[in-house]
N, C-alpha and C. Protein backbone atom coordinates (compact mmCIF):
# COMPACT_ATOMS: atom_id res chain seq x y z
N MET A 1 41.03 58.78 133.40
CA MET A 1 40.83 60.18 134.80
C MET A 1 42.46 60.47 134.50
N LYS A 2 43.81 60.09 133.69
CA LYS A 2 45.30 60.39 133.98
C LYS A 2 45.07 61.01 132.42
N LEU A 3 44.37 61.27 131.29
CA LEU A 3 44.03 62.63 130.33
C LEU A 3 43.20 63.30 131.56
N LEU A 4 42.31 63.06 132.17
CA LEU A 4 41.46 64.08 132.27
C LEU A 4 42.31 65.40 132.63
N SER A 5 43.55 64.64 133.88
CA SER A 5 44.12 65.25 134.53
C SER A 5 45.20 66.21 133.78
N PHE A 6 45.51 65.42 132.93
CA PHE A 6 46.75 66.00 132.44
C PHE A 6 46.00 67.39 131.32
N VAL A 7 44.68 67.28 130.67
CA VAL A 7 44.31 68.66 130.04
C VAL A 7 44.03 69.36 130.53
N LEU A 8 43.75 69.06 132.38
CA LEU A 8 43.21 70.42 133.41
C LEU A 8 44.40 71.14 133.24
N LEU A 9 45.91 69.96 133.85
CA LEU A 9 46.69 70.81 134.68
C LEU A 9 47.75 71.58 132.86
N LEU A 10 47.45 71.16 132.21
CA LEU A 10 47.24 72.02 130.44
C LEU A 10 47.06 73.13 130.72
N LEU A 11 45.55 72.46 130.95
CA LEU A 11 44.38 74.55 130.61
C LEU A 11 44.89 75.28 131.92
N LEU A 12 45.19 74.45 133.20
CA LEU A 12 45.80 76.10 133.71
C LEU A 12 46.80 76.36 133.89
N SER A 13 48.55 75.73 133.50
CA SER A 13 49.03 76.11 133.25
C SER A 13 48.43 77.28 131.59
N ALA A 14 48.46 77.26 131.02
CA ALA A 14 47.65 77.91 129.99
C ALA A 14 47.13 79.49 130.65
N CYS A 15 46.17 78.66 131.44
CA CYS A 15 45.45 79.92 132.20
C CYS A 15 46.59 81.25 132.93
N GLY A 16 47.75 80.58 133.39
CA GLY A 16 48.20 80.94 134.21
C GLY A 16 48.59 80.96 135.77
N VAL A 17 47.46 80.27 136.24
CA VAL A 17 46.94 79.65 137.71
C VAL A 17 47.70 78.50 137.97
N GLY A 18 48.04 79.03 139.17
CA GLY A 18 48.99 78.54 140.29
C GLY A 18 50.51 78.68 139.39
N THR A 19 50.79 79.49 139.10
CA THR A 19 52.31 80.34 138.11
C THR A 19 52.33 81.24 138.16
N THR A 20 53.20 81.71 138.95
CA THR A 20 53.98 83.42 139.32
C THR A 20 54.92 83.92 138.08
N GLY A 21 55.27 85.25 137.48
CA GLY A 21 56.24 85.81 137.34
C GLY A 21 57.06 85.97 137.88
N ALA A 22 57.70 84.55 137.75
CA ALA A 22 59.43 84.48 138.30
C ALA A 22 60.14 86.21 138.07
N HIS A 23 60.77 86.31 138.97
CA HIS A 23 61.73 87.13 138.48
C HIS A 23 62.89 86.88 138.27
N PRO A 24 63.41 87.43 137.23
CA PRO A 24 64.53 86.60 136.27
C PRO A 24 66.01 86.85 137.33
N TYR A 25 66.08 86.89 138.41
CA TYR A 25 67.23 87.13 139.46
C TYR A 25 66.52 86.22 140.72
N ALA A 26 65.52 85.00 139.79
CA ALA A 26 64.75 84.56 141.77
C ALA A 26 66.00 82.81 141.29
N GLY A 27 66.22 82.88 142.96
CA GLY A 27 66.92 82.01 143.54
C GLY A 27 68.36 82.33 143.25
N GLU A 28 68.83 83.27 143.13
CA GLU A 28 70.19 83.62 143.10
C GLU A 28 70.56 84.31 144.14
N LEU A 29 69.16 85.56 145.27
CA LEU A 29 69.32 85.97 146.25
C LEU A 29 69.65 84.79 147.53
N GLU A 30 68.80 83.48 147.60
CA GLU A 30 68.65 81.99 148.57
C GLU A 30 70.30 81.68 148.11
N LYS A 31 71.72 82.46 147.06
CA LYS A 31 72.59 81.52 146.80
C LYS A 31 73.71 82.17 148.01
N ALA A 32 73.47 83.25 147.72
CA ALA A 32 73.90 83.98 148.98
C ALA A 32 74.84 83.45 150.36
N GLU A 33 75.24 84.24 150.80
CA GLU A 33 76.03 84.14 152.79
C GLU A 33 75.24 85.15 152.70
N GLY A 34 73.87 85.10 154.21
CA GLY A 34 74.00 85.49 154.95
C GLY A 34 72.18 85.88 154.55
N TYR A 35 72.02 86.16 153.31
CA TYR A 35 70.37 85.63 153.44
C TYR A 35 69.64 84.66 154.42
N ASP A 36 68.60 85.89 154.69
CA ASP A 36 67.32 85.62 155.66
C ASP A 36 66.43 85.00 155.12
N GLU A 37 65.50 84.11 155.65
CA GLU A 37 63.93 83.24 154.89
C GLU A 37 63.53 84.40 154.89
N GLU A 38 63.45 85.11 156.86
CA GLU A 38 63.03 85.25 156.71
C GLU A 38 61.93 87.24 157.78
N VAL A 39 62.41 87.50 155.89
CA VAL A 39 62.50 88.44 155.66
C VAL A 39 61.05 88.95 155.55
N PRO A 40 60.47 90.44 156.83
CA PRO A 40 59.12 90.58 157.19
C PRO A 40 58.37 91.13 156.11
N PHE A 41 58.88 91.81 154.84
CA PHE A 41 57.90 92.23 153.95
C PHE A 41 58.57 91.74 152.92
N ASP A 42 57.46 92.13 151.48
CA ASP A 42 57.37 91.48 149.97
C ASP A 42 58.46 92.40 150.52
N PHE A 43 59.80 92.73 149.34
CA PHE A 43 60.24 93.58 148.41
C PHE A 43 60.95 93.03 147.36
N LYS A 44 61.05 94.66 146.82
CA LYS A 44 61.66 94.47 145.05
C LYS A 44 62.80 94.49 145.11
N LEU A 45 63.57 93.60 143.82
CA LEU A 45 64.76 94.26 143.33
C LEU A 45 64.49 94.59 141.84
N PRO A 46 65.36 95.27 141.46
CA PRO A 46 65.50 95.73 139.80
C PRO A 46 65.77 93.89 138.92
N THR A 47 64.95 94.02 137.47
CA THR A 47 65.03 93.58 136.51
C THR A 47 65.58 93.44 135.80
N SER A 48 66.25 94.90 135.32
CA SER A 48 67.53 95.40 134.22
C SER A 48 67.69 96.24 135.01
N LEU A 49 69.59 95.42 134.88
CA LEU A 49 70.91 96.45 134.85
C LEU A 49 72.17 96.78 133.89
N PRO A 50 72.43 97.63 134.55
CA PRO A 50 73.22 97.80 132.85
C PRO A 50 74.70 97.20 132.91
N PHE A 51 74.07 95.64 133.77
CA PHE A 51 75.20 94.91 132.99
C PHE A 51 75.01 93.05 133.52
N GLU A 52 75.69 92.31 132.98
CA GLU A 52 75.16 91.04 133.72
C GLU A 52 75.21 90.72 135.07
N LEU A 53 74.08 90.02 135.11
CA LEU A 53 74.38 89.56 136.83
C LEU A 53 75.52 88.14 136.99
N ASP A 54 76.01 88.91 138.11
CA ASP A 54 77.45 87.62 137.89
C ASP A 54 77.78 87.10 139.39
N GLU A 55 76.97 88.47 140.14
CA GLU A 55 76.85 87.78 142.02
C GLU A 55 76.02 89.11 142.56
N ILE A 56 75.78 88.46 144.03
CA ILE A 56 75.01 88.40 144.45
C ILE A 56 75.56 88.77 146.03
N PHE A 57 76.25 89.75 146.65
CA PHE A 57 77.54 89.82 147.58
C PHE A 57 75.62 90.43 149.07
N ILE A 58 75.34 90.09 149.95
CA ILE A 58 74.71 90.46 151.33
C ILE A 58 75.62 91.59 151.92
N MET A 59 75.03 92.37 152.33
CA MET A 59 76.36 93.48 152.87
C MET A 59 75.54 93.26 154.60
N GLU A 60 73.61 93.12 154.47
CA GLU A 60 73.65 93.56 155.84
C GLU A 60 71.81 92.93 155.17
N MET A 61 70.80 91.77 155.94
CA MET A 61 69.71 91.54 155.96
C MET A 61 69.26 90.76 157.49
N GLY A 62 68.78 91.85 158.01
CA GLY A 62 67.83 91.60 158.92
C GLY A 62 67.30 92.28 160.08
N GLU A 63 66.91 92.30 161.21
CA GLU A 63 66.82 93.26 162.62
C GLU A 63 68.30 94.16 163.01
N ASP A 64 66.97 95.63 162.61
CA ASP A 64 68.19 96.26 162.84
C ASP A 64 68.85 96.15 164.11
N GLU A 65 70.24 96.03 164.58
CA GLU A 65 70.59 95.29 165.69
C GLU A 65 70.91 96.19 167.27
N ILE A 66 70.55 97.99 166.93
CA ILE A 66 70.89 99.16 167.78
C ILE A 66 70.05 99.14 168.51
N GLU A 67 70.47 98.77 169.93
CA GLU A 67 69.54 98.54 171.30
C GLU A 67 68.30 99.61 171.30
N ILE A 68 68.46 101.48 171.39
CA ILE A 68 68.05 102.49 171.49
C ILE A 68 66.97 102.22 170.20
N VAL A 69 66.66 101.33 169.48
CA VAL A 69 65.21 101.57 169.14
C VAL A 69 64.33 100.08 168.66
N SER A 70 63.35 100.55 167.95
CA SER A 70 62.03 99.08 168.20
C SER A 70 62.86 97.79 167.24
N SER A 71 62.59 96.93 167.55
CA SER A 71 63.26 95.90 167.25
C SER A 71 61.93 94.86 165.22
N ASP A 72 61.25 96.57 165.42
CA ASP A 72 60.53 96.09 164.07
C ASP A 72 61.38 96.08 162.76
N ARG A 73 62.97 97.38 162.98
CA ARG A 73 62.80 97.55 162.04
C ARG A 73 64.18 96.59 160.95
N TYR A 74 64.15 97.02 159.80
CA TYR A 74 64.84 95.42 159.01
C TYR A 74 65.14 96.28 157.78
N MET A 75 66.61 95.57 158.07
CA MET A 75 67.71 96.54 156.95
C MET A 75 68.48 95.66 155.85
N PHE A 76 67.91 96.32 154.95
CA PHE A 76 68.45 94.53 153.88
C PHE A 76 68.53 95.44 152.26
N ASP A 77 70.71 95.19 152.55
CA ASP A 77 71.62 96.11 151.75
C ASP A 77 72.38 94.71 150.94
N VAL A 78 72.73 95.70 149.42
CA VAL A 78 73.17 94.05 149.00
C VAL A 78 73.81 94.91 147.61
N ILE A 79 74.69 93.96 147.32
CA ILE A 79 75.48 94.48 146.08
C ILE A 79 74.99 93.75 145.09
N LEU A 80 74.59 93.87 144.02
CA LEU A 80 74.83 93.01 142.49
C LEU A 80 75.86 94.01 142.14
N ARG A 81 76.78 92.29 141.62
CA ARG A 81 78.32 92.92 140.96
C ARG A 81 77.81 92.22 139.06
N GLY A 82 78.26 92.51 137.85
CA GLY A 82 78.92 92.10 137.11
C GLY A 82 80.30 91.79 137.07
N GLU A 83 80.96 90.96 136.35
CA GLU A 83 82.04 90.07 136.11
C GLU A 83 83.32 91.57 136.72
N ASP A 84 83.61 92.26 135.77
CA ASP A 84 83.85 93.34 136.36
C ASP A 84 83.84 94.29 137.64
N ARG A 85 84.27 94.01 139.05
CA ARG A 85 82.97 93.99 140.16
C ARG A 85 83.61 95.68 140.72
N GLU A 86 84.77 96.03 139.58
CA GLU A 86 84.78 97.47 140.54
C GLU A 86 83.86 98.44 139.83
N GLU A 87 83.98 98.01 138.71
CA GLU A 87 83.46 98.87 137.27
C GLU A 87 81.69 98.19 136.89
N GLU A 88 81.04 97.44 137.17
CA GLU A 88 79.94 97.21 137.32
C GLU A 88 79.59 96.51 138.56
N HIS A 89 79.16 97.79 139.23
CA HIS A 89 78.30 97.00 140.47
C HIS A 89 77.16 97.92 141.02
N LEU A 90 75.97 97.38 141.64
CA LEU A 90 74.79 98.39 142.42
C LEU A 90 74.77 98.50 143.45
N ILE A 91 74.42 98.78 144.88
CA ILE A 91 74.36 98.88 146.17
C ILE A 91 72.84 98.84 145.72
N VAL A 92 71.46 97.82 146.53
CA VAL A 92 70.28 98.54 146.57
C VAL A 92 70.14 98.02 148.44
N MET A 93 69.70 99.16 148.41
CA MET A 93 69.40 99.27 150.48
C MET A 93 67.81 99.14 150.34
N ILE A 94 66.41 98.02 150.90
CA ILE A 94 66.28 98.44 150.84
C ILE A 94 65.62 98.40 152.67
N HIS A 95 64.84 99.35 153.18
CA HIS A 95 64.67 99.49 154.72
C HIS A 95 62.61 99.51 154.89
N ASN A 96 62.95 99.30 155.68
CA ASN A 96 61.65 99.55 155.97
C ASN A 96 61.10 101.28 157.04
N HIS A 97 62.20 101.58 157.58
CA HIS A 97 61.87 102.43 158.99
C HIS A 97 62.38 103.62 159.08
N LEU A 98 62.79 104.35 157.79
CA LEU A 98 63.63 105.26 156.65
C LEU A 98 62.74 106.10 155.84
N SER A 99 62.67 106.92 155.61
CA SER A 99 62.09 107.38 154.44
C SER A 99 63.06 108.13 153.70
N VAL A 100 63.01 109.05 152.43
CA VAL A 100 64.04 109.22 151.98
C VAL A 100 64.71 110.71 152.56
N GLU A 101 65.44 110.39 152.82
CA GLU A 101 66.69 111.52 153.70
C GLU A 101 66.50 112.64 152.87
N ASN A 102 66.47 113.53 154.10
CA ASN A 102 66.86 115.33 153.18
C ASN A 102 68.55 115.36 152.91
N THR A 103 68.45 115.60 151.47
CA THR A 103 70.13 115.47 150.55
C THR A 103 70.62 116.80 150.62
N GLN A 104 69.89 117.91 151.72
CA GLN A 104 70.39 119.35 151.21
C GLN A 104 71.45 119.35 150.87
N GLY A 105 71.86 120.44 150.08
CA GLY A 105 74.12 121.15 150.50
C GLY A 105 74.28 119.67 149.51
N GLN A 106 73.62 119.17 148.27
CA GLN A 106 74.39 118.51 147.77
C GLN A 106 73.01 118.26 146.13
N ASN A 107 74.29 117.65 144.97
CA ASN A 107 73.87 117.85 144.09
C ASN A 107 72.81 117.05 143.68
N GLU A 108 71.35 117.56 144.26
CA GLU A 108 70.62 116.95 144.20
C GLU A 108 69.23 117.32 143.37
N GLU A 109 68.02 116.46 142.28
CA GLU A 109 67.02 116.74 141.54
C GLU A 109 66.09 115.47 142.29
N GLN A 110 64.57 116.26 142.23
CA GLN A 110 63.19 115.86 143.03
C GLN A 110 63.22 115.20 141.30
N LEU A 111 62.21 113.37 141.10
CA LEU A 111 62.09 112.98 140.10
C LEU A 111 60.99 112.10 139.93
N THR A 112 60.10 112.21 139.50
CA THR A 112 59.01 111.50 139.75
C THR A 112 58.85 109.97 139.07
N LEU A 113 58.96 108.96 139.21
CA LEU A 113 59.25 107.57 138.93
C LEU A 113 57.59 107.24 137.96
N SER A 114 57.41 106.39 137.23
CA SER A 114 56.34 106.29 135.82
C SER A 114 55.36 105.25 136.61
N GLY A 115 55.86 105.08 138.05
CA GLY A 115 54.46 104.46 138.63
C GLY A 115 53.51 105.54 139.88
N GLY A 116 54.41 107.14 139.46
CA GLY A 116 53.54 108.11 140.36
C GLY A 116 54.73 108.53 141.82
N GLU A 117 55.98 107.51 142.27
CA GLU A 117 56.50 107.08 143.45
C GLU A 117 57.40 109.12 143.06
N ASP A 118 57.62 109.55 143.69
CA ASP A 118 58.57 110.55 144.58
C ASP A 118 60.22 110.11 144.37
N ALA A 119 60.76 110.82 143.64
CA ALA A 119 61.90 110.40 144.26
C ALA A 119 63.02 111.28 144.04
N LYS A 120 64.15 110.71 144.99
CA LYS A 120 65.20 112.28 145.07
C LYS A 120 66.94 111.67 144.34
N TYR A 121 66.96 112.21 143.53
CA TYR A 121 68.96 112.11 142.86
C TYR A 121 69.85 112.37 143.58
N PHE A 122 70.43 112.20 144.50
CA PHE A 122 71.72 112.84 144.30
C PHE A 122 73.19 112.57 144.25
N TYR A 123 74.73 113.36 143.92
CA TYR A 123 75.41 113.23 143.54
C TYR A 123 76.24 113.91 144.28
N ASN A 124 77.25 113.28 145.30
CA ASN A 124 77.93 114.21 146.52
C ASN A 124 79.14 114.10 146.36
N GLY A 125 80.09 113.48 145.16
CA GLY A 125 81.84 113.70 144.43
C GLY A 125 81.76 111.87 144.94
N ALA A 126 81.07 110.96 145.31
CA ALA A 126 81.58 109.89 145.53
C ALA A 126 80.59 109.06 145.16
N SER A 127 79.39 109.12 145.45
CA SER A 127 78.45 108.45 144.69
C SER A 127 77.56 108.82 144.26
N GLN A 128 76.55 108.69 143.70
CA GLN A 128 74.83 108.69 142.88
C GLN A 128 74.37 107.80 143.89
N ILE A 129 73.13 108.06 143.83
CA ILE A 129 72.13 107.39 144.72
C ILE A 129 70.95 107.99 144.43
N LEU A 130 69.92 106.78 144.16
CA LEU A 130 68.40 107.65 143.51
C LEU A 130 67.76 107.03 144.43
N SER A 131 66.89 107.77 145.37
CA SER A 131 66.00 107.10 146.65
C SER A 131 64.45 107.30 146.31
N TRP A 132 63.61 106.33 147.00
CA TRP A 132 62.30 106.43 146.57
C TRP A 132 61.32 105.98 147.87
N ASP A 133 60.48 106.28 147.97
CA ASP A 133 59.49 105.05 149.02
C ASP A 133 58.82 104.42 147.91
N ASP A 134 58.25 103.56 148.72
CA ASP A 134 57.13 102.66 147.85
C ASP A 134 56.93 101.07 149.03
N ASP A 135 55.70 101.17 148.95
CA ASP A 135 54.66 100.35 149.87
C ASP A 135 55.20 100.86 151.38
N ASP A 136 55.79 101.44 151.79
CA ASP A 136 56.21 101.99 152.82
C ASP A 136 57.55 101.08 153.06
N LEU A 137 58.25 100.94 152.11
CA LEU A 137 59.91 100.94 152.20
C LEU A 137 60.47 102.15 151.35
N MET A 138 61.66 102.06 151.84
CA MET A 138 62.44 103.08 151.50
C MET A 138 63.55 102.16 150.68
N TYR A 139 63.57 102.68 149.19
CA TYR A 139 64.21 102.12 148.31
C TYR A 139 65.41 103.17 148.11
N GLN A 140 67.07 102.55 147.70
CA GLN A 140 67.67 103.25 146.95
C GLN A 140 69.08 102.29 145.88
N ILE A 141 69.03 103.14 145.13
CA ILE A 141 70.25 102.36 144.51
C ILE A 141 71.33 103.45 144.47
N ALA A 142 72.45 103.01 144.53
CA ALA A 142 73.67 103.63 144.64
C ALA A 142 74.77 102.91 144.26
N VAL A 143 75.96 104.42 143.54
CA VAL A 143 77.07 103.70 142.66
C VAL A 143 78.49 104.54 142.89
N SER A 144 79.26 103.61 142.69
CA SER A 144 80.79 104.77 143.74
C SER A 144 80.76 105.17 142.19
N ALA A 145 81.13 106.83 142.10
CA ALA A 145 81.24 107.43 141.34
C ALA A 145 82.36 108.39 141.55
N ARG A 146 83.40 108.00 142.07
CA ARG A 146 84.36 108.91 142.64
C ARG A 146 85.15 109.46 141.25
N ASP A 147 84.89 107.99 140.42
CA ASP A 147 85.57 109.81 139.21
C ASP A 147 84.79 110.68 138.01
N GLY A 148 83.75 111.00 138.42
CA GLY A 148 82.70 111.78 137.94
C GLY A 148 81.30 110.45 137.47
N GLU A 149 79.89 111.04 137.40
CA GLU A 149 78.72 109.77 137.45
C GLU A 149 79.10 109.53 136.57
N LYS A 150 78.74 108.43 136.78
CA LYS A 150 79.27 106.90 136.09
C LYS A 150 78.24 106.49 135.51
N TYR A 151 76.66 106.89 135.40
CA TYR A 151 75.48 106.69 135.47
C TYR A 151 74.55 107.87 134.85
N SER A 152 73.86 108.13 133.92
CA SER A 152 72.57 109.10 133.57
C SER A 152 71.64 109.00 134.46
N ILE A 153 71.47 110.21 134.68
CA ILE A 153 70.00 110.50 135.47
C ILE A 153 69.26 109.33 135.13
N GLU A 154 69.30 109.43 134.22
CA GLU A 154 68.31 108.10 133.12
C GLU A 154 68.32 106.77 133.09
N GLU A 155 69.35 106.45 133.01
CA GLU A 155 69.39 104.96 133.16
C GLU A 155 69.49 104.86 134.98
N LEU A 156 69.43 105.48 135.60
CA LEU A 156 69.29 105.46 137.02
C LEU A 156 67.94 105.21 137.22
N VAL A 157 67.16 105.63 136.31
CA VAL A 157 65.42 106.08 136.86
C VAL A 157 65.00 104.49 135.79
N GLU A 158 65.37 103.99 134.73
CA GLU A 158 65.30 103.04 134.30
C GLU A 158 65.81 101.86 135.13
N ILE A 159 66.57 101.93 135.79
CA ILE A 159 67.09 100.41 137.11
C ILE A 159 65.75 100.49 138.05
N ALA A 160 65.21 102.19 138.77
CA ALA A 160 64.31 101.92 139.49
C ALA A 160 63.10 101.44 139.29
N GLU A 161 62.51 102.11 137.84
CA GLU A 161 61.61 102.11 137.46
C GLU A 161 61.23 100.22 136.99
N SER A 162 62.52 99.51 136.80
CA SER A 162 62.63 98.11 136.58
C SER A 162 62.53 97.42 137.63
N PHE A 163 62.43 97.81 139.55
CA PHE A 163 61.74 96.85 140.28
C PHE A 163 60.67 96.20 139.61
N GLU A 164 60.63 94.57 140.75
CA GLU A 164 59.42 94.49 140.44
C GLU A 164 59.55 93.01 141.86
N THR A 165 58.51 92.86 142.25
CA THR A 165 58.53 91.81 143.52
C THR A 165 59.37 90.19 143.53
N TYR A 166 60.32 90.40 144.54
CA TYR A 166 61.26 89.32 144.33
C TYR A 166 60.31 87.96 144.93
């Protein structure tokens, strides 16, 4: 009977049943102070960064606390940092109540991601931002760029296209 159980477990593992393709940073977010286990939606995070991930810092994770708005608004803003915190960082913002904003008057470029999502890239002299909507969520990746554009648009698109369910 033990042999049969072992063979069945081995077959299920080989077929992928009962296993998931774990996100490369699985478990890292949960270690960060301020992590909310009750996130009301499935979200994605990048699987590819232009630096080696050293730390995750949660800026905000929870219901929007503005009293005049409905309580189903949820905000999730996180900084992904490399070893050199000044040079190696990426801000990821995920909100369920916004969509890609009007960036009129800024250095804006309309893009289409490989999954067909419309995206906007803009650079305002201080930050580079790439925004897109996916599964009723607004995603933004932002980089401080006071000394000029830090990453090419293609590099930011590559990061955006690497987002997978966490």
